[in-house]
């Protein structure tokens, strides 16, 4: 039995007339009659009562077969649509690893944009350190990650999507909070709240390197795993923290953020994946990330150009 047999049968069952069914199917009437006879032979039952050579009526078996044929074609159409959507990256599952840092800026924008375009894709999110994301990618527990270079695994694909400077978080009542910009050297005697180095060695070393530019090593008196916990401890008066600038989006009562006078190391956020594990869904996700990153880059360049123009105008005046 072939698919065309079902389509031919349904046409005749709905028209109850061979000539009209043949016209609907754009075939001649004799071949249509032959196909229906072949179908009845294969099933071993009569599907139609022949009133005349052309006009027919469904038998009881034909009525049952018609309902089943409808369901079969509907299931087939569903399978076709599901297959096509999966092939286009419109349906499926995507495992995403991320650090807590990207939840304050990048990740919400990316996820919102992707879900708007591909609402049928299931997103499985896991908060992981950069090292844990590398392991999860190798073990195929996630498809893509948002991590902070440098990476230990040089076989992974990575694209930098954001660079941000370091800032200082401190109590609003701190004497240094009155200044718009703070010198690293002025933090010499401060108590630092940091995360354990093994959770983010790249960022940890950047903070230590910045302090060493001021000829001192940070006096770490408290450690916390999550960025929000670190800022919470700052709010409790336990010390100050140096963090990426996107953390300014995390507001805590009594906490202010100040820029540094010195040029700070740039904290990179990269999207990371394995090329050999590319899927249609992952391909579409990378496209969404790149579209947002390019847009933000262009926007940032426009702001720089506008600032330069204003400065030049000020000098002219």
C-alpha atoms as a PDB file:
ATOM      1  CA  UNK A   1       0.000   0.000   0.000  1.00  0.00           C
ATOM      2  CA  UNK A   2       1.342   3.423  -0.959  1.00  0.00           C
ATOM      3  CA  UNK A   3       0.515   6.919   0.241  1.00  0.00           C
ATOM      4  CA  UNK A   4      -1.230   7.731  -3.025  1.00  0.00           C
ATOM      5  CA  UNK A   5      -3.715   4.919  -2.362  1.00  0.00           C
ATOM      6  CA  UNK A   6      -4.845   6.727   0.786  1.00  0.00           C
ATOM      7  CA  UNK A   7      -5.156  10.061  -1.017  1.00  0.00           C
ATOM      8  CA  UNK A   8      -7.107   8.495  -3.878  1.00  0.00           C
ATOM      9  CA  UNK A   9      -9.403   6.677  -1.463  1.00  0.00           C
ATOM     10  CA  UNK A  10     -10.111   9.844   0.552  1.00  0.00           C
ATOM     11  CA  UNK A  11     -10.952  11.792  -2.616  1.00  0.00           C
ATOM     12  CA  UNK A  12     -13.431   9.156  -3.757  1.00  0.00           C
ATOM     13  CA  UNK A  13     -14.888   8.782  -0.237  1.00  0.00           C
ATOM     14  CA  UNK A  14     -15.494  12.528   0.021  1.00  0.00           C
ATOM     15  CA  UNK A  15     -16.854  12.984  -3.502  1.00  0.00           C
ATOM     16  CA  UNK A  16     -18.685   9.609  -3.671  1.00  0.00           C
ATOM     17  CA  UNK A  17     -18.210   9.901  -7.409  1.00  0.00           C
ATOM     18  CA  UNK A  18     -15.252   8.590  -9.421  1.00  0.00           C
ATOM     19  CA  UNK A  19     -15.349  11.232 -12.145  1.00  0.00           C
ATOM     20  CA  UNK A  20     -15.430  14.163  -9.693  1.00  0.00           C
ATOM     21  CA  UNK A  21     -12.682  12.551  -7.599  1.00  0.00           C
ATOM     22  CA  UNK A  22     -10.529  12.015 -10.708  1.00  0.00           C
ATOM     23  CA  UNK A  23     -11.022  15.633 -11.717  1.00  0.00           C
ATOM     24  CA  UNK A  24     -10.057  16.770  -8.209  1.00  0.00           C
ATOM     25  CA  UNK A  25      -6.911  14.616  -8.321  1.00  0.00           C
ATOM     26  CA  UNK A  26      -6.053  15.724 -11.875  1.00  0.00           C
ATOM     27  CA  UNK A  27      -5.926  12.139 -13.175  1.00  0.00           C
ATOM     28  CA  UNK A  28      -8.098  10.115 -15.566  1.00  0.00           C
ATOM     29  CA  UNK A  29     -11.047   8.208 -14.151  1.00  0.00           C
ATOM     30  CA  UNK A  30     -10.073   4.647 -15.299  1.00  0.00           C
ATOM     31  CA  UNK A  31      -6.654   4.645 -13.520  1.00  0.00           C
ATOM     32  CA  UNK A  32      -8.359   5.944 -10.378  1.00  0.00           C
ATOM     33  CA  UNK A  33     -10.870   3.080 -10.433  1.00  0.00           C
ATOM     34  CA  UNK A  34      -7.994   0.606 -10.873  1.00  0.00           C
ATOM     35  CA  UNK A  35      -6.104   2.056  -7.880  1.00  0.00           C
ATOM     36  CA  UNK A  36      -9.162   1.769  -5.637  1.00  0.00           C
ATOM     37  CA  UNK A  37      -9.691  -1.845  -6.762  1.00  0.00           C
ATOM     38  CA  UNK A  38      -6.036  -2.611  -5.949  1.00  0.00           C
ATOM     39  CA  UNK A  39      -6.516  -1.105  -2.491  1.00  0.00           C
ATOM     40  CA  UNK A  40      -9.607  -3.245  -1.849  1.00  0.00           C
ATOM     41  CA  UNK A  41      -7.702  -6.371  -2.955  1.00  0.00           C
ATOM     42  CA  UNK A  42      -4.845  -5.549  -0.593  1.00  0.00           C
ATOM     43  CA  UNK A  43      -7.229  -4.987   2.318  1.00  0.00           C
ATOM     44  CA  UNK A  44      -9.402  -7.957   1.457  1.00  0.00           C
ATOM     45  CA  UNK A  45     -12.635  -5.987   1.902  1.00  0.00           C
ATOM     46  CA  UNK A  46     -14.917  -3.817  -0.181  1.00  0.00           C
ATOM     47  CA  UNK A  47     -14.665  -0.126   0.623  1.00  0.00           C
ATOM     48  CA  UNK A  48     -17.446   1.076  -1.682  1.00  0.00           C
ATOM     49  CA  UNK A  49     -20.863  -0.060  -2.826  1.00  0.00           C
ATOM     50  CA  UNK A  50     -21.021   0.685  -6.556  1.00  0.00           C
ATOM     51  CA  UNK A  51     -24.408   2.212  -7.321  1.00  0.00           C
ATOM     52  CA  UNK A  52     -23.375   2.951 -10.883  1.00  0.00           C
ATOM     53  CA  UNK A  53     -20.056   2.802 -12.730  1.00  0.00           C
ATOM     54  CA  UNK A  54     -19.219   6.232 -11.401  1.00  0.00           C
ATOM     55  CA  UNK A  55     -21.323   6.880  -8.306  1.00  0.00           C
ATOM     56  CA  UNK A  56     -20.472   4.975  -5.104  1.00  0.00           C
ATOM     57  CA  UNK A  57     -21.299   4.733  -1.398  1.00  0.00           C
ATOM     58  CA  UNK A  58     -18.987   3.830   1.495  1.00  0.00           C
ATOM     59  CA  UNK A  59     -19.354   0.418   3.089  1.00  0.00           C
ATOM     60  CA  UNK A  60     -19.143   0.055   6.873  1.00  0.00           C
ATOM     61  CA  UNK A  61     -15.489  -1.028   6.450  1.00  0.00           C
ATOM     62  CA  UNK A  62     -14.952   1.983   4.172  1.00  0.00           C
ATOM     63  CA  UNK A  63     -16.279   4.333   6.876  1.00  0.00           C
ATOM     64  CA  UNK A  64     -13.787   2.924   9.390  1.00  0.00           C
ATOM     65  CA  UNK A  65     -10.910   3.059   6.900  1.00  0.00           C
ATOM     66  CA  UNK A  66     -11.718   6.697   6.050  1.00  0.00           C
ATOM     67  CA  UNK A  67     -11.332   7.823   9.667  1.00  0.00           C
ATOM     68  CA  UNK A  68      -8.066   5.914  10.021  1.00  0.00           C
ATOM     69  CA  UNK A  69      -6.788   7.354   6.734  1.00  0.00           C
ATOM     70  CA  UNK A  70      -7.507  10.870   7.989  1.00  0.00           C
ATOM     71  CA  UNK A  71      -5.482  10.177  11.131  1.00  0.00           C
ATOM     72  CA  UNK A  72      -2.598   8.648   9.173  1.00  0.00           C
ATOM     73  CA  UNK A  73      -2.310  11.643   6.848  1.00  0.00           C
ATOM     74  CA  UNK A  74      -2.601  14.069   9.772  1.00  0.00           C
ATOM     75  CA  UNK A  75       0.181  12.217  11.601  1.00  0.00           C
ATOM     76  CA  UNK A  76       2.290  12.239   8.453  1.00  0.00           C
ATOM     77  CA  UNK A  77       1.792  15.986   8.041  1.00  0.00           C
ATOM     78  CA  UNK A  78       2.734  16.497  11.683  1.00  0.00           C
ATOM     79  CA  UNK A  79       5.885  14.423  11.184  1.00  0.00           C
ATOM     80  CA  UNK A  80       6.809  16.460   8.097  1.00  0.00           C
ATOM     81  CA  UNK A  81       6.322  19.783   9.877  1.00  0.00           C
ATOM     82  CA  UNK A  82       8.255  18.619  12.950  1.00  0.00           C
ATOM     83  CA  UNK A  83      11.111  17.360  10.783  1.00  0.00           C
ATOM     84  CA  UNK A  84      11.252  20.602   8.806  1.00  0.00           C
ATOM     85  CA  UNK A  85      11.180  22.761  11.956  1.00  0.00           C
ATOM     86  CA  UNK A  86      13.932  20.692  13.529  1.00  0.00           C
ATOM     87  CA  UNK A  87      16.024  20.947  10.376  1.00  0.00           C
ATOM     88  CA  UNK A  88      15.587  24.724  10.332  1.00  0.00           C
ATOM     89  CA  UNK A  89      16.503  25.029  14.007  1.00  0.00           C
ATOM     90  CA  UNK A  90      12.972  26.103  14.973  1.00  0.00           C
ATOM     91  CA  UNK A  91      12.370  23.162  17.284  1.00  0.00           C
ATOM     92  CA  UNK A  92      14.558  21.083  19.570  1.00  0.00           C
ATOM     93  CA  UNK A  93      16.526  21.507  22.759  1.00  0.00           C
ATOM     94  CA  UNK A  94      19.537  23.676  23.600  1.00  0.00           C
ATOM     95  CA  UNK A  95      21.693  23.282  26.720  1.00  0.00           C
ATOM     96  CA  UNK A  96      23.244  26.590  27.796  1.00  0.00           C
ATOM     97  CA  UNK A  97      25.952  27.079  30.410  1.00  0.00           C
ATOM     98  CA  UNK A  98      26.566  30.504  31.917  1.00  0.00           C
ATOM     99  CA  UNK A  99      28.377  32.274  34.730  1.00  0.00           C
ATOM    100  CA  UNK A 100      26.484  34.491  37.160  1.00  0.00           C
ATOM    101  CA  UNK A 101      28.200  37.565  35.701  1.00  0.00           C
ATOM    102  CA  UNK A 102      26.368  37.383  32.350  1.00  0.00           C
ATOM    103  CA  UNK A 103      22.949  37.395  34.047  1.00  0.00           C
ATOM    104  CA  UNK A 104      23.302  41.123  34.815  1.00  0.00           C
ATOM    105  CA  UNK A 105      23.597  42.272  31.210  1.00  0.00           C
ATOM    106  CA  UNK A 106      24.088  39.952  28.242  1.00  0.00           C
ATOM    107  CA  UNK A 107      22.136  36.776  28.926  1.00  0.00           C
ATOM    108  CA  UNK A 108      18.624  38.205  29.564  1.00  0.00           C
ATOM    109  CA  UNK A 109      18.730  40.160  26.293  1.00  0.00           C
ATOM    110  CA  UNK A 110      19.953  37.162  24.297  1.00  0.00           C
ATOM    111  CA  UNK A 111      17.451  34.713  25.781  1.00  0.00           C
ATOM    112  CA  UNK A 112      14.539  37.105  25.285  1.00  0.00           C
ATOM    113  CA  UNK A 113      15.457  37.705  21.629  1.00  0.00           C
ATOM    114  CA  UNK A 114      15.935  33.984  20.931  1.00  0.00           C
ATOM    115  CA  UNK A 115      12.644  32.971  22.561  1.00  0.00           C
ATOM    116  CA  UNK A 116      10.816  35.605  20.513  1.00  0.00           C
ATOM    117  CA  UNK A 117      12.192  34.081  17.298  1.00  0.00           C
ATOM    118  CA  UNK A 118      12.095  30.405  18.287  1.00  0.00           C
ATOM    119  CA  UNK A 119       9.377  29.846  20.927  1.00  0.00           C
ATOM    120  CA  UNK A 120       9.289  26.078  20.341  1.00  0.00           C
ATOM    121  CA  UNK A 121      12.944  25.494  21.260  1.00  0.00           C
ATOM    122  CA  UNK A 122      13.414  24.208  24.805  1.00  0.00           C
ATOM    123  CA  UNK A 123      16.224  26.039  26.614  1.00  0.00           C
ATOM    124  CA  UNK A 124      17.955  24.139  29.427  1.00  0.00           C
ATOM    125  CA  UNK A 125      20.032  26.572  31.509  1.00  0.00           C
ATOM    126  CA  UNK A 126      22.842  25.630  33.877  1.00  0.00           C
ATOM    127  CA  UNK A 127      24.844  28.083  35.978  1.00  0.00           C
ATOM    128  CA  UNK A 128      28.456  26.881  35.767  1.00  0.00           C
ATOM    129  CA  UNK A 129      31.938  28.301  36.194  1.00  0.00           C
ATOM    130  CA  UNK A 130      34.115  28.687  33.091  1.00  0.00           C
ATOM    131  CA  UNK A 131      36.029  25.498  33.935  1.00  0.00           C
ATOM    132  CA  UNK A 132      32.796  23.584  34.523  1.00  0.00           C
ATOM    133  CA  UNK A 133      31.452  24.789  31.167  1.00  0.00           C
ATOM    134  CA  UNK A 134      34.531  23.477  29.382  1.00  0.00           C
ATOM    135  CA  UNK A 135      33.973  20.073  30.965  1.00  0.00           C
ATOM    136  CA  UNK A 136      30.242  20.157  30.216  1.00  0.00           C
ATOM    137  CA  UNK A 137      30.923  20.924  26.547  1.00  0.00           C
ATOM    138  CA  UNK A 138      33.381  18.041  26.283  1.00  0.00           C
ATOM    139  CA  UNK A 139      30.875  15.707  27.973  1.00  0.00           C
ATOM    140  CA  UNK A 140      28.070  17.058  25.751  1.00  0.00           C
ATOM    141  CA  UNK A 141      25.971  18.078  28.770  1.00  0.00           C
ATOM    142  CA  UNK A 142      25.560  21.545  27.224  1.00  0.00           C
ATOM    143  CA  UNK A 143      25.672  22.776  23.625  1.00  0.00           C
ATOM    144  CA  UNK A 144      26.972  26.294  24.248  1.00  0.00           C
ATOM    145  CA  UNK A 145      28.402  28.351  27.081  1.00  0.00           C
ATOM    146  CA  UNK A 146      28.975  31.930  28.177  1.00  0.00           C
ATOM    147  CA  UNK A 147      32.410  31.913  29.761  1.00  0.00           C
ATOM    148  CA  UNK A 148      35.367  34.157  30.572  1.00  0.00           C
ATOM    149  CA  UNK A 149      38.668  33.488  28.783  1.00  0.00           C
ATOM    150  CA  UNK A 150      41.368  32.345  28.947  1.00  0.00           C
ATOM    151  CA  UNK A 151      40.144  28.798  28.398  1.00  0.00           C
ATOM    152  CA  UNK A 152      42.172  25.723  29.225  1.00  0.00           C
ATOM    153  CA  UNK A 153      40.718  23.725  26.319  1.00  0.00           C
ATOM    154  CA  UNK A 154      42.030  25.155  23.045  1.00  0.00           C
ATOM    155  CA  UNK A 155      39.884  22.790  20.952  1.00  0.00           C
ATOM    156  CA  UNK A 156      36.743  24.771  21.744  1.00  0.00           C
ATOM    157  CA  UNK A 157      35.394  27.489  19.470  1.00  0.00           C
ATOM    158  CA  UNK A 158      35.075  30.856  21.162  1.00  0.00           C
ATOM    159  CA  UNK A 159      33.974  34.329  20.131  1.00  0.00           C
ATOM    160  CA  UNK A 160      34.378  37.369  22.353  1.00  0.00           C
ATOM    161  CA  UNK A 161      31.033  39.156  22.650  1.00  0.00           C
ATOM    162  CA  UNK A 162      31.807  41.682  25.380  1.00  0.00           C
ATOM    163  CA  UNK A 163      34.716  43.455  27.063  1.00  0.00           C
ATOM    164  CA  UNK A 164      34.214  45.487  30.212  1.00  0.00           C
ATOM    165  CA  UNK A 165      36.392  47.395  32.640  1.00  0.00           C
ATOM    166  CA  UNK A 166      36.676  46.770  36.359  1.00  0.00           C
ATOM    167  CA  UNK A 167      34.945  49.014  38.903  1.00  0.00           C
ATOM    168  CA  UNK A 168      34.801  49.275  42.699  1.00  0.00           C
ATOM    169  CA  UNK A 169      31.728  48.471  44.799  1.00  0.00           C
ATOM    170  CA  UNK A 170      31.639  50.092  48.246  1.00  0.00           C
ATOM    171  CA  UNK A 171      29.322  51.492  50.863  1.00  0.00           C
ATOM    172  CA  UNK A 172      27.719  54.826  50.095  1.00  0.00           C
ATOM    173  CA  UNK A 173      29.086  56.079  53.433  1.00  0.00           C
ATOM    174  CA  UNK A 174      32.674  55.098  52.604  1.00  0.00           C
ATOM    175  CA  UNK A 175      35.002  58.171  52.517  1.00  0.00           C
ATOM    176  CA  UNK A 176      36.173  57.245  48.999  1.00  0.00           C
ATOM    177  CA  UNK A 177      32.567  57.158  47.728  1.00  0.00           C
ATOM    178  CA  UNK A 178      32.586  60.970  47.553  1.00  0.00           C
ATOM    179  CA  UNK A 179      35.029  60.753  44.632  1.00  0.00           C
ATOM    180  CA  UNK A 180      33.816  60.119  41.082  1.00  0.00           C
ATOM    181  CA  UNK A 181      36.981  58.185  40.279  1.00  0.00           C
ATOM    182  CA  UNK A 182      39.177  56.253  42.667  1.00  0.00           C
ATOM    183  CA  UNK A 183      42.867  55.452  42.469  1.00  0.00           C
ATOM    184  CA  UNK A 184      43.792  51.812  42.892  1.00  0.00           C
ATOM    185  CA  UNK A 185      46.497  52.884  45.339  1.00  0.00           C
ATOM    186  CA  UNK A 186      43.822  54.326  47.667  1.00  0.00           C
ATOM    187  CA  UNK A 187      42.502  50.770  48.210  1.00  0.00           C
ATOM    188  CA  UNK A 188      45.736  49.662  49.868  1.00  0.00           C
ATOM    189  CA  UNK A 189      44.277  49.243  53.373  1.00  0.00           C
ATOM    190  CA  UNK A 190      40.796  48.051  52.371  1.00  0.00           C
ATOM    191  CA  UNK A 191      39.296  44.675  53.178  1.00  0.00           C
ATOM    192  CA  UNK A 192      38.509  42.873  49.925  1.00  0.00           C
ATOM    193  CA  UNK A 193      35.608  40.511  49.294  1.00  0.00           C
ATOM    194  CA  UNK A 194      36.435  38.092  46.482  1.00  0.00           C
ATOM    195  CA  UNK A 195      35.504  34.696  45.117  1.00  0.00           C
ATOM    196  CA  UNK A 196      37.833  31.671  45.416  1.00  0.00           C
ATOM    197  CA  UNK A 197      40.391  31.648  42.598  1.00  0.00           C
ATOM    198  CA  UNK A 198      39.464  28.173  41.334  1.00  0.00           C
ATOM    199  CA  UNK A 199      35.969  29.423  40.423  1.00  0.00           C
ATOM    200  CA  UNK A 200      37.283  32.043  38.000  1.00  0.00           C
ATOM    201  CA  UNK A 201      41.071  32.160  37.755  1.00  0.00           C
ATOM    202  CA  UNK A 202      41.066  34.592  34.809  1.00  0.00           C
ATOM    203  CA  UNK A 203      39.010  37.304  36.532  1.00  0.00           C
ATOM    204  CA  UNK A 204      40.652  36.652  39.907  1.00  0.00           C
ATOM    205  CA  UNK A 205      44.136  37.166  38.433  1.00  0.00           C
ATOM    206  CA  UNK A 206      43.004  40.354  36.664  1.00  0.00           C
ATOM    207  CA  UNK A 207      41.841  41.843  39.975  1.00  0.00           C
ATOM    208  CA  UNK A 208      45.082  40.870  41.709  1.00  0.00           C
ATOM    209  CA  UNK A 209      47.107  42.271  38.779  1.00  0.00           C
ATOM    210  CA  UNK A 210      45.240  45.574  39.019  1.00  0.00           C
ATOM    211  CA  UNK A 211      46.058  45.852  42.725  1.00  0.00           C
ATOM    212  CA  UNK A 212      49.680  45.044  42.028  1.00  0.00           C
ATOM    213  CA  UNK A 213      49.767  48.053  39.705  1.00  0.00           C
ATOM    214  CA  UNK A 214      49.177  50.039  42.898  1.00  0.00           C
ATOM    215  CA  UNK A 215      52.098  48.155  44.528  1.00  0.00           C
ATOM    216  CA  UNK A 216      50.035  46.023  46.898  1.00  0.00           C
ATOM    217  CA  UNK A 217      48.232  42.689  47.059  1.00  0.00           C
ATOM    218  CA  UNK A 218      44.546  42.736  48.013  1.00  0.00           C
ATOM    219  CA  UNK A 219      43.791  41.844  51.625  1.00  0.00           C
ATOM    220  CA  UNK A 220      41.021  39.294  51.149  1.00  0.00           C
ATOM    221  CA  UNK A 221      39.021  38.990  54.361  1.00  0.00           C
ATOM    222  CA  UNK A 222      35.842  37.390  52.965  1.00  0.00           C
ATOM    223  CA  UNK A 223      35.129  34.964  50.124  1.00  0.00           C
ATOM    224  CA  UNK A 224      31.823  34.256  48.387  1.00  0.00           C
ATOM    225  CA  UNK A 225      30.881  32.145  45.398  1.00  0.00           C
ATOM    226  CA  UNK A 226      28.162  34.293  43.802  1.00  0.00           C
ATOM    227  CA  UNK A 227      28.562  37.896  42.628  1.00  0.00           C
ATOM    228  CA  UNK A 228      25.265  38.876  44.249  1.00  0.00           C
ATOM    229  CA  UNK A 229      26.539  37.479  47.546  1.00  0.00           C
ATOM    230  CA  UNK A 230      29.721  39.534  47.246  1.00  0.00           C
ATOM    231  CA  UNK A 231      27.703  42.719  46.727  1.00  0.00           C
ATOM    232  CA  UNK A 232      25.445  41.706  49.612  1.00  0.00           C
ATOM    233  CA  UNK A 233      28.514  41.486  51.870  1.00  0.00           C
ATOM    234  CA  UNK A 234      29.617  44.913  50.643  1.00  0.00           C
ATOM    235  CA  UNK A 235      26.169  46.193  51.635  1.00  0.00           C
ATOM    236  CA  UNK A 236      26.719  44.661  55.094  1.00  0.00           C
ATOM    237  CA  UNK A 237      29.901  46.687  55.522  1.00  0.00           C
ATOM    238  CA  UNK A 238      32.244  43.692  55.323  1.00  0.00           C
ATOM    239  CA  UNK A 239      34.572  45.326  52.814  1.00  0.00           C
ATOM    240  CA  UNK A 240      34.886  46.513  49.212  1.00  0.00           C
ATOM    241  CA  UNK A 241      34.871  44.537  45.969  1.00  0.00           C
ATOM    242  CA  UNK A 242      36.364  44.987  42.534  1.00  0.00           C
ATOM    243  CA  UNK A 243      34.059  43.631  39.859  1.00  0.00           C
ATOM    244  CA  UNK A 244      33.217  43.909  36.132  1.00  0.00           C
ATOM    245  CA  UNK A 245      31.242  47.046  35.226  1.00  0.00           C
ATOM    246  CA  UNK A 246      28.075  45.110  34.259  1.00  0.00           C
ATOM    247  CA  UNK A 247      27.578  44.407  37.959  1.00  0.00           C
ATOM    248  CA  UNK A 248      26.305  47.988  38.303  1.00  0.00           C
ATOM    249  CA  UNK A 249      22.962  46.579  37.168  1.00  0.00           C
ATOM    250  CA  UNK A 250      22.792  44.779  40.511  1.00  0.00           C
ATOM    251  CA  UNK A 251      21.441  47.344  42.951  1.00  0.00           C
ATOM    252  CA  UNK A 252      21.823  46.900  46.713  1.00  0.00           C
ATOM    253  CA  UNK A 253      20.786  49.347  49.428  1.00  0.00           C
ATOM    254  CA  UNK A 254      23.715  51.481  50.495  1.00  0.00           C
ATOM    255  CA  UNK A 255      26.090  50.227  47.754  1.00  0.00           C
ATOM    256  CA  UNK A 256      27.599  52.534  45.133  1.00  0.00           C
ATOM    257  CA  UNK A 257      29.896  51.810  42.206  1.00  0.00           C
ATOM    258  CA  UNK A 258      32.900  53.924  41.285  1.00  0.00           C
ATOM    259  CA  UNK A 259      35.225  53.835  38.286  1.00  0.00           C
ATOM    260  CA  UNK A 260      38.989  53.640  38.655  1.00  0.00           C
ATOM    261  CA  UNK A 261      41.464  56.313  37.547  1.00  0.00           C
ATOM    262  CA  UNK A 262      43.842  53.748  36.125  1.00  0.00           C
ATOM    263  CA  UNK A 263      43.247  51.820  32.946  1.00  0.00           C
ATOM    264  CA  UNK A 264      41.970  48.440  34.111  1.00  0.00           C
ATOM    265  CA  UNK A 265      42.267  44.998  32.515  1.00  0.00           C
ATOM    266  CA  UNK A 266      39.257  44.175  30.351  1.00  0.00           C
ATOM    267  CA  UNK A 267      37.060  41.297  31.431  1.00  0.00           C
ATOM    268  CA  UNK A 268      36.057  39.279  28.372  1.00  0.00           C
ATOM    269  CA  UNK A 269      32.874  37.305  27.949  1.00  0.00           C
ATOM    270  CA  UNK A 270      32.946  34.752  25.167  1.00  0.00           C
ATOM    271  CA  UNK A 271      30.409  32.401  23.683  1.00  0.00           C
ATOM    272  CA  UNK A 272      31.906  28.905  23.560  1.00  0.00           C
ATOM    273  CA  UNK A 273      30.897  25.751  21.680  1.00  0.00           C
ATOM    274  CA  UNK A 274      32.206  22.649  19.910  1.00  0.00           C
ATOM    275  CA  UNK A 275      32.057  22.907  16.118  1.00  0.00           C
ATOM    276  CA  UNK A 276      31.702  19.132  15.761  1.00  0.00           C
ATOM    277  CA  UNK A 277      28.532  19.264  17.870  1.00  0.00           C
ATOM    278  CA  UNK A 278      26.849  21.931  15.735  1.00  0.00           C
ATOM    279  CA  UNK A 279      23.076  21.529  15.386  1.00  0.00           C
ATOM    280  CA  UNK A 280      20.494  23.647  13.507  1.00  0.00           C
ATOM    281  CA  UNK A 281      19.265  25.056  16.843  1.00  0.00           C
ATOM    282  CA  UNK A 282      22.800  25.963  17.963  1.00  0.00           C
ATOM    283  CA  UNK A 283      23.468  27.586  14.591  1.00  0.00           C
ATOM    284  CA  UNK A 284      20.393  29.803  14.969  1.00  0.00           C
ATOM    285  CA  UNK A 285      21.342  30.637  18.578  1.00  0.00           C
ATOM    286  CA  UNK A 286      24.823  31.767  17.507  1.00  0.00           C
ATOM    287  CA  UNK A 287      23.244  33.948  14.818  1.00  0.00           C
ATOM    288  CA  UNK A 288      21.035  35.658  17.410  1.00  0.00           C
ATOM    289  CA  UNK A 289      24.020  36.252  19.717  1.00  0.00           C
ATOM    290  CA  UNK A 290      26.077  37.694  16.859  1.00  0.00           C
ATOM    291  CA  UNK A 291      23.252  39.981  15.746  1.00  0.00           C
ATOM    292  CA  UNK A 292      22.991  41.453  19.254  1.00  0.00           C
ATOM    293  CA  UNK A 293      26.761  41.725  19.685  1.00  0.00           C
ATOM    294  CA  UNK A 294      27.197  43.505  16.337  1.00  0.00           C
ATOM    295  CA  UNK A 295      24.340  45.875  17.190  1.00  0.00           C
ATOM    296  CA  UNK A 296      25.845  46.709  20.585  1.00  0.00           C
ATOM    297  CA  UNK A 297      29.297  47.189  19.039  1.00  0.00           C
ATOM    298  CA  UNK A 298      27.938  49.612  16.449  1.00  0.00           C
ATOM    299  CA  UNK A 299      26.036  51.445  19.178  1.00  0.00           C
ATOM    300  CA  UNK A 300      29.189  51.744  21.291  1.00  0.00           C
ATOM    301  CA  UNK A 301      31.177  53.081  18.325  1.00  0.00           C
ATOM    302  CA  UNK A 302      28.504  55.710  17.698  1.00  0.00           C
ATOM    303  CA  UNK A 303      28.758  56.852  21.322  1.00  0.00           C
ATOM    304  CA  UNK A 304      32.542  57.145  21.044  1.00  0.00           C
ATOM    305  CA  UNK A 305      32.223  59.084  17.785  1.00  0.00           C
ATOM    306  CA  UNK A 306      29.616  61.386  19.341  1.00  0.00           C
ATOM    307  CA  UNK A 307      31.904  62.021  22.341  1.00  0.00           C
ATOM    308  CA  UNK A 308      34.840  62.847  20.057  1.00  0.00           C
ATOM    309  CA  UNK A 309      32.687  65.193  17.987  1.00  0.00           C
ATOM    310  CA  UNK A 310      31.503  66.990  21.125  1.00  0.00           C
ATOM    311  CA  UNK A 311      35.078  67.297  22.365  1.00  0.00           C
ATOM    312  CA  UNK A 312      36.273  68.658  19.025  1.00  0.00           C
ATOM    313  CA  UNK A 313      33.381  71.099  18.953  1.00  0.00           C
ATOM    314  CA  UNK A 314      34.291  72.264  22.455  1.00  0.00           C
ATOM    315  CA  UNK A 315      37.879  72.914  21.395  1.00  0.00           C
ATOM    316  CA  UNK A 316      36.724  74.858  18.334  1.00  0.00           C
ATOM    317  CA  UNK A 317      34.434  77.024  20.481  1.00  0.00           C
END
